[in-house]
Amino acid sequence: MLIFSIVIGIVFGFIAALMAFVITWHEYEKHKFTGKRLFKEAFQTAIFTFGIFLLLSLLIGFLLTRFVIK
């Protein structure tokens, strides 16, 4: 079950990170960010989003295997 949670976290984390990157890129372009700074800010947001989704997936998988699924 924990492996399944990791796979789910990676898949949905990647999708969420991609969306966060696109949204951040678009919003920061409105505020006149350009070049490397624009990419850096959008990429940092994407990495953070991926990490949060992966950690939440692991936590939910752990809680399910520990307390719900016997």
PDB file of N, CA and C in Angstrom:
ATOM      1  N   MET A   1       0.822  -1.199   0.000  1.00  0.00           N
ATOM      2  CA  MET A   1       0.000   0.000   0.000  1.00  0.00           C
ATOM      3  C   MET A   1       0.862   1.257   0.000  1.00  0.00           C
ATOM      4  N   LEU A   2       1.987   1.202   0.700  1.00  0.00           N
ATOM      5  CA  LEU A   2       2.856   2.370   0.757  1.00  0.00           C
ATOM      6  C   LEU A   2       3.483   2.652  -0.609  1.00  0.00           C
ATOM      7  N   ILE A   3       3.816   1.600  -1.345  1.00  0.00           N
ATOM      8  CA  ILE A   3       4.377   1.777  -2.696  1.00  0.00           C
ATOM      9  C   ILE A   3       3.332   2.427  -3.601  1.00  0.00           C
ATOM     10  N   PHE A   4       2.085   1.995  -3.457  1.00  0.00           N
ATOM     11  CA  PHE A   4       0.997   2.588  -4.234  1.00  0.00           C
ATOM     12  C   PHE A   4       0.864   4.078  -3.914  1.00  0.00           C
ATOM     13  N   SER A   5       1.011   4.440  -2.654  1.00  0.00           N
ATOM     14  CA  SER A   5       0.936   5.846  -2.251  1.00  0.00           C
ATOM     15  C   SER A   5       2.069   6.655  -2.870  1.00  0.00           C
ATOM     16  N   ILE A   6       3.244   6.064  -2.944  1.00  0.00           N
ATOM     17  CA  ILE A   6       4.383   6.755  -3.554  1.00  0.00           C
ATOM     18  C   ILE A   6       4.124   6.990  -5.039  1.00  0.00           C
ATOM     19  N   VAL A   7       3.619   5.971  -5.717  1.00  0.00           N
ATOM     20  CA  VAL A   7       3.326   6.105  -7.150  1.00  0.00           C
ATOM     21  C   VAL A   7       2.261   7.173  -7.377  1.00  0.00           C
ATOM     22  N   ILE A   8       1.211   7.133  -6.587  1.00  0.00           N
ATOM     23  CA  ILE A   8       0.150   8.140  -6.702  1.00  0.00           C
ATOM     24  C   ILE A   8       0.714   9.532  -6.421  1.00  0.00           C
ATOM     25  N   GLY A   9       1.553   9.647  -5.396  1.00  0.00           N
ATOM     26  CA  GLY A   9       2.163  10.930  -5.068  1.00  0.00           C
ATOM     27  C   GLY A   9       3.038  11.464  -6.182  1.00  0.00           C
ATOM     28  N   ILE A  10       3.793  10.583  -6.820  1.00  0.00           N
ATOM     29  CA  ILE A  10       4.656  11.009  -7.923  1.00  0.00           C
ATOM     30  C   ILE A  10       3.824  11.457  -9.121  1.00  0.00           C
ATOM     31  N   VAL A  11       2.819  10.678  -9.468  1.00  0.00           N
ATOM     32  CA  VAL A  11       1.998  11.013 -10.642  1.00  0.00           C
ATOM     33  C   VAL A  11       1.254  12.327 -10.432  1.00  0.00           C
ATOM     34  N   PHE A  12       0.500  12.414  -9.338  1.00  0.00           N
ATOM     35  CA  PHE A  12      -0.270  13.631  -9.109  1.00  0.00           C
ATOM     36  C   PHE A  12       0.615  14.802  -8.705  1.00  0.00           C
ATOM     37  N   GLY A  13       1.737  14.516  -8.058  1.00  0.00           N
ATOM     38  CA  GLY A  13       2.693  15.569  -7.740  1.00  0.00           C
ATOM     39  C   GLY A  13       3.278  16.188  -8.992  1.00  0.00           C
ATOM     40  N   PHE A  14       3.586  15.349  -9.981  1.00  0.00           N
ATOM     41  CA  PHE A  14       4.112  15.860 -11.244  1.00  0.00           C
ATOM     42  C   PHE A  14       3.086  16.735 -11.956  1.00  0.00           C
ATOM     43  N   ILE A  15       1.841  16.279 -11.981  1.00  0.00           N
ATOM     44  CA  ILE A  15       0.784  17.070 -12.626  1.00  0.00           C
ATOM     45  C   ILE A  15       0.592  18.398 -11.892  1.00  0.00           C
ATOM     46  N   ALA A  16       0.567  18.354 -10.572  1.00  0.00           N
ATOM     47  CA  ALA A  16       0.401  19.576  -9.785  1.00  0.00           C
ATOM     48  C   ALA A  16       1.590  20.513  -9.972  1.00  0.00           C
ATOM     49  N   ALA A  17       2.797  19.948 -10.021  1.00  0.00           N
ATOM     50  CA  ALA A  17       3.995  20.765 -10.214  1.00  0.00           C
ATOM     51  C   ALA A  17       3.979  21.437 -11.583  1.00  0.00           C
ATOM     52  N   LEU A  18       3.549  20.706 -12.586  1.00  0.00           N
ATOM     53  CA  LEU A  18       3.465  21.274 -13.930  1.00  0.00           C
ATOM     54  C   LEU A  18       2.471  22.433 -13.964  1.00  0.00           C
ATOM     55  N   MET A  19       1.325  22.248 -13.340  1.00  0.00           N
ATOM     56  CA  MET A  19       0.323  23.315 -13.298  1.00  0.00           C
ATOM     57  C   MET A  19       0.828  24.518 -12.490  1.00  0.00           C
ATOM     58  N   ALA A  20       1.510  24.251 -11.373  1.00  0.00           N
ATOM     59  CA  ALA A  20       2.060  25.339 -10.564  1.00  0.00           C
ATOM     60  C   ALA A  20       3.111  26.116 -11.349  1.00  0.00           C
ATOM     61  N   PHE A  21       3.930  25.403 -12.120  1.00  0.00           N
ATOM     62  CA  PHE A  21       4.946  26.056 -12.946  1.00  0.00           C
ATOM     63  C   PHE A  21       4.296  26.988 -13.964  1.00  0.00           C
ATOM     64  N   VAL A  22       3.282  26.477 -14.660  1.00  0.00           N
ATOM     65  CA  VAL A  22       2.614  27.273 -15.695  1.00  0.00           C
ATOM     66  C   VAL A  22       1.925  28.489 -15.087  1.00  0.00           C
ATOM     67  N   ILE A  23       1.230  28.294 -13.980  1.00  0.00           N
ATOM     68  CA  ILE A  23       0.520  29.406 -13.338  1.00  0.00           C
ATOM     69  C   ILE A  23       1.501  30.449 -12.829  1.00  0.00           C
ATOM     70  N   THR A  24       2.565  30.009 -12.164  1.00  0.00           N
ATOM     71  CA  THR A  24       3.559  30.945 -11.639  1.00  0.00           C
ATOM     72  C   THR A  24       4.245  31.691 -12.771  1.00  0.00           C
ATOM     73  N   TRP A  25       4.592  30.975 -13.822  1.00  0.00           N
ATOM     74  CA  TRP A  25       5.231  31.600 -14.981  1.00  0.00           C
ATOM     75  C   TRP A  25       4.343  32.720 -15.535  1.00  0.00           C
ATOM     76  N   HIS A  26       3.075  32.404 -15.728  1.00  0.00           N
ATOM     77  CA  HIS A  26       2.139  33.377 -16.292  1.00  0.00           C
ATOM     78  C   HIS A  26       1.977  34.591 -15.375  1.00  0.00           C
ATOM     79  N   GLU A  27       1.830  34.351 -14.086  1.00  0.00           N
ATOM     80  CA  GLU A  27       1.633  35.457 -13.145  1.00  0.00           C
ATOM     81  C   GLU A  27       2.884  36.327 -13.017  1.00  0.00           C
ATOM     82  N   TYR A  28       4.054  35.705 -12.981  1.00  0.00           N
ATOM     83  CA  TYR A  28       5.284  36.484 -12.842  1.00  0.00           C
ATOM     84  C   TYR A  28       5.616  37.245 -14.119  1.00  0.00           C
ATOM     85  N   GLU A  29       5.181  36.750 -15.272  1.00  0.00           N
ATOM     86  CA  GLU A  29       5.350  37.508 -16.511  1.00  0.00           C
ATOM     87  C   GLU A  29       4.569  38.813 -16.458  1.00  0.00           C
ATOM     88  N   LYS A  30       3.412  38.790 -15.816  1.00  0.00           N
ATOM     89  CA  LYS A  30       2.612  40.009 -15.676  1.00  0.00           C
ATOM     90  C   LYS A  30       3.344  41.067 -14.859  1.00  0.00           C
ATOM     91  N   HIS A  31       4.212  40.617 -13.944  1.00  0.00           N
ATOM     92  CA  HIS A  31       4.936  41.539 -13.070  1.00  0.00           C
ATOM     93  C   HIS A  31       6.335  41.837 -13.584  1.00  0.00           C
ATOM     94  N   LYS A  32       6.541  41.624 -14.862  1.00  0.00           N
ATOM     95  CA  LYS A  32       7.764  42.001 -15.577  1.00  0.00           C
ATOM     96  C   LYS A  32       9.007  41.222 -15.178  1.00  0.00           C
ATOM     97  N   PHE A  33       8.852  39.992 -14.678  1.00  0.00           N
ATOM     98  CA  PHE A  33      10.002  39.119 -14.466  1.00  0.00           C
ATOM     99  C   PHE A  33      10.412  38.579 -15.832  1.00  0.00           C
ATOM    100  N   THR A  34      11.709  38.417 -16.054  1.00  0.00           N
ATOM    101  CA  THR A  34      12.181  37.894 -17.338  1.00  0.00           C
ATOM    102  C   THR A  34      13.354  36.950 -17.124  1.00  0.00           C
ATOM    103  N   GLY A  35      13.632  36.170 -18.145  1.00  0.00           N
ATOM    104  CA  GLY A  35      14.836  35.357 -18.200  1.00  0.00           C
ATOM    105  C   GLY A  35      14.969  34.324 -17.101  1.00  0.00           C
ATOM    106  N   LYS A  36      16.184  34.253 -16.551  1.00  0.00           N
ATOM    107  CA  LYS A  36      16.501  33.233 -15.550  1.00  0.00           C
ATOM    108  C   LYS A  36      15.685  33.399 -14.278  1.00  0.00           C
ATOM    109  N   ARG A  37      15.427  34.624 -13.887  1.00  0.00           N
ATOM    110  CA  ARG A  37      14.668  34.852 -12.646  1.00  0.00           C
ATOM    111  C   ARG A  37      13.250  34.304 -12.769  1.00  0.00           C
ATOM    112  N   LEU A  38      12.643  34.513 -13.916  1.00  0.00           N
ATOM    113  CA  LEU A  38      11.289  34.000 -14.154  1.00  0.00           C
ATOM    114  C   LEU A  38      11.273  32.478 -14.081  1.00  0.00           C
ATOM    115  N   PHE A  39      12.226  31.842 -14.757  1.00  0.00           N
ATOM    116  CA  PHE A  39      12.309  30.381 -14.735  1.00  0.00           C
ATOM    117  C   PHE A  39      12.598  29.875 -13.327  1.00  0.00           C
ATOM    118  N   LYS A  40      13.521  30.526 -12.624  1.00  0.00           N
ATOM    119  CA  LYS A  40      13.906  30.096 -11.273  1.00  0.00           C
ATOM    120  C   LYS A  40      12.718  30.137 -10.320  1.00  0.00           C
ATOM    121  N   GLU A  41      11.980  31.218 -10.337  1.00  0.00           N
ATOM    122  CA  GLU A  41      10.829  31.354  -9.437  1.00  0.00           C
ATOM    123  C   GLU A  41       9.750  30.319  -9.758  1.00  0.00           C
ATOM    124  N   ALA A  42       9.471  30.128 -11.030  1.00  0.00           N
ATOM    125  CA  ALA A  42       8.451  29.149 -11.427  1.00  0.00           C
ATOM    126  C   ALA A  42       8.904  27.731 -11.092  1.00  0.00           C
ATOM    127  N   PHE A  43      10.186  27.431 -11.302  1.00  0.00           N
ATOM    128  CA  PHE A  43      10.714  26.097 -11.024  1.00  0.00           C
ATOM    129  C   PHE A  43      10.710  25.809  -9.524  1.00  0.00           C
ATOM    130  N   GLN A  44      11.066  26.796  -8.709  1.00  0.00           N
ATOM    131  CA  GLN A  44      11.027  26.616  -7.253  1.00  0.00           C
ATOM    132  C   GLN A  44       9.613  26.318  -6.779  1.00  0.00           C
ATOM    133  N   THR A  45       8.649  27.008  -7.325  1.00  0.00           N
ATOM    134  CA  THR A  45       7.253  26.755  -6.969  1.00  0.00           C
ATOM    135  C   THR A  45       6.839  25.345  -7.369  1.00  0.00           C
ATOM    136  N   ALA A  46       7.272  24.910  -8.545  1.00  0.00           N
ATOM    137  CA  ALA A  46       6.939  23.564  -9.016  1.00  0.00           C
ATOM    138  C   ALA A  46       7.564  22.498  -8.120  1.00  0.00           C
ATOM    139  N   ILE A  47       8.822  22.670  -7.737  1.00  0.00           N
ATOM    140  CA  ILE A  47       9.501  21.702  -6.869  1.00  0.00           C
ATOM    141  C   ILE A  47       8.820  21.643  -5.501  1.00  0.00           C
ATOM    142  N   PHE A  48       8.483  22.801  -4.961  1.00  0.00           N
ATOM    143  CA  PHE A  48       7.801  22.848  -3.667  1.00  0.00           C
ATOM    144  C   PHE A  48       6.452  22.132  -3.740  1.00  0.00           C
ATOM    145  N   THR A  49       5.696  22.385  -4.793  1.00  0.00           N
ATOM    146  CA  THR A  49       4.393  21.743  -4.974  1.00  0.00           C
ATOM    147  C   THR A  49       4.530  20.234  -5.090  1.00  0.00           C
ATOM    148  N   PHE A  50       5.514  19.772  -5.862  1.00  0.00           N
ATOM    149  CA  PHE A  50       5.754  18.338  -6.008  1.00  0.00           C
ATOM    150  C   PHE A  50       6.076  17.713  -4.650  1.00  0.00           C
ATOM    151  N   GLY A  51       6.928  18.360  -3.888  1.00  0.00           N
ATOM    152  CA  GLY A  51       7.295  17.842  -2.569  1.00  0.00           C
ATOM    153  C   GLY A  51       6.108  17.744  -1.627  1.00  0.00           C
ATOM    154  N   ILE A  52       5.281  18.764  -1.620  1.00  0.00           N
ATOM    155  CA  ILE A  52       4.099  18.760  -0.755  1.00  0.00           C
ATOM    156  C   ILE A  52       3.147  17.632  -1.145  1.00  0.00           C
ATOM    157  N   PHE A  53       2.890  17.464  -2.435  1.00  0.00           N
ATOM    158  CA  PHE A  53       2.001  16.387  -2.877  1.00  0.00           C
ATOM    159  C   PHE A  53       2.570  15.022  -2.532  1.00  0.00           C
ATOM    160  N   LEU A  54       3.873  14.840  -2.708  1.00  0.00           N
ATOM    161  CA  LEU A  54       4.493  13.557  -2.394  1.00  0.00           C
ATOM    162  C   LEU A  54       4.427  13.274  -0.893  1.00  0.00           C
ATOM    163  N   LEU A  55       4.735  14.273  -0.073  1.00  0.00           N
ATOM    164  CA  LEU A  55       4.680  14.079   1.380  1.00  0.00           C
ATOM    165  C   LEU A  55       3.259  13.801   1.864  1.00  0.00           C
ATOM    166  N   LEU A  56       2.290  14.528   1.329  1.00  0.00           N
ATOM    167  CA  LEU A  56       0.899  14.279   1.726  1.00  0.00           C
ATOM    168  C   LEU A  56       0.439  12.888   1.307  1.00  0.00           C
ATOM    169  N   SER A  57       0.855  12.450   0.145  1.00  0.00           N
ATOM    170  CA  SER A  57       0.505  11.109  -0.313  1.00  0.00           C
ATOM    171  C   SER A  57       1.117  10.048   0.593  1.00  0.00           C
ATOM    172  N   LEU A  58       2.362  10.232   0.975  1.00  0.00           N
ATOM    173  CA  LEU A  58       3.009   9.292   1.896  1.00  0.00           C
ATOM    174  C   LEU A  58       2.315   9.279   3.256  1.00  0.00           C
ATOM    175  N   LEU A  59       1.966  10.448   3.745  1.00  0.00           N
ATOM    176  CA  LEU A  59       1.285  10.540   5.034  1.00  0.00           C
ATOM    177  C   LEU A  59      -0.071   9.843   4.988  1.00  0.00           C
ATOM    178  N   ILE A  60      -0.833  10.086   3.949  1.00  0.00           N
ATOM    179  CA  ILE A  60      -2.142   9.445   3.823  1.00  0.00           C
ATOM    180  C   ILE A  60      -1.990   7.936   3.679  1.00  0.00           C
ATOM    181  N   GLY A  61      -1.014   7.499   2.886  1.00  0.00           N
ATOM    182  CA  GLY A  61      -0.763   6.061   2.741  1.00  0.00           C
ATOM    183  C   GLY A  61      -0.380   5.418   4.058  1.00  0.00           C
ATOM    184  N   PHE A  62       0.461   6.093   4.831  1.00  0.00           N
ATOM    185  CA  PHE A  62       0.854   5.573   6.139  1.00  0.00           C
ATOM    186  C   PHE A  62      -0.341   5.495   7.080  1.00  0.00           C
ATOM    187  N   LEU A  63      -1.135   6.564   7.121  1.00  0.00           N
ATOM    188  CA  LEU A  63      -2.297   6.577   8.008  1.00  0.00           C
ATOM    189  C   LEU A  63      -3.323   5.518   7.609  1.00  0.00           C
ATOM    190  N   LEU A  64      -3.513   5.328   6.318  1.00  0.00           N
ATOM    191  CA  LEU A  64      -4.450   4.294   5.869  1.00  0.00           C
ATOM    192  C   LEU A  64      -3.971   2.902   6.257  1.00  0.00           C
ATOM    193  N   THR A  65      -2.696   2.610   6.048  1.00  0.00           N
ATOM    194  CA  THR A  65      -2.191   1.273   6.389  1.00  0.00           C
ATOM    195  C   THR A  65      -2.123   1.068   7.889  1.00  0.00           C
ATOM    196  N   ARG A  66      -1.921   2.113   8.629  1.00  0.00           N
ATOM    197  CA  ARG A  66      -1.781   1.992  10.087  1.00  0.00           C
ATOM    198  C   ARG A  66      -3.124   1.885  10.801  1.00  0.00           C
ATOM    199  N   PHE A  67      -4.107   2.684  10.381  1.00  0.00           N
ATOM    200  CA  PHE A  67      -5.340   2.789  11.152  1.00  0.00           C
ATOM    201  C   PHE A  67      -6.601   2.301  10.439  1.00  0.00           C
ATOM    202  N   VAL A  68      -6.626   2.266   9.125  1.00  0.00           N
ATOM    203  CA  VAL A  68      -7.861   1.943   8.419  1.00  0.00           C
ATOM    204  C   VAL A  68      -7.806   0.551   7.812  1.00  0.00           C
ATOM    205  N   ILE A  69      -6.806   0.291   6.988  1.00  0.00           N
ATOM    206  CA  ILE A  69      -6.699  -0.989   6.284  1.00  0.00           C
ATOM    207  C   ILE A  69      -5.903  -1.956   7.141  1.00  0.00           C
ATOM    208  N   LYS A  70      -6.523  -3.038   7.534  1.00  0.00           N
ATOM    209  CA  LYS A  70      -5.848  -4.026   8.393  1.00  0.00           C
ATOM    210  C   LYS A  70      -5.558  -5.273   7.629  1.00  0.00           C
TER     211      LYS A  70
END
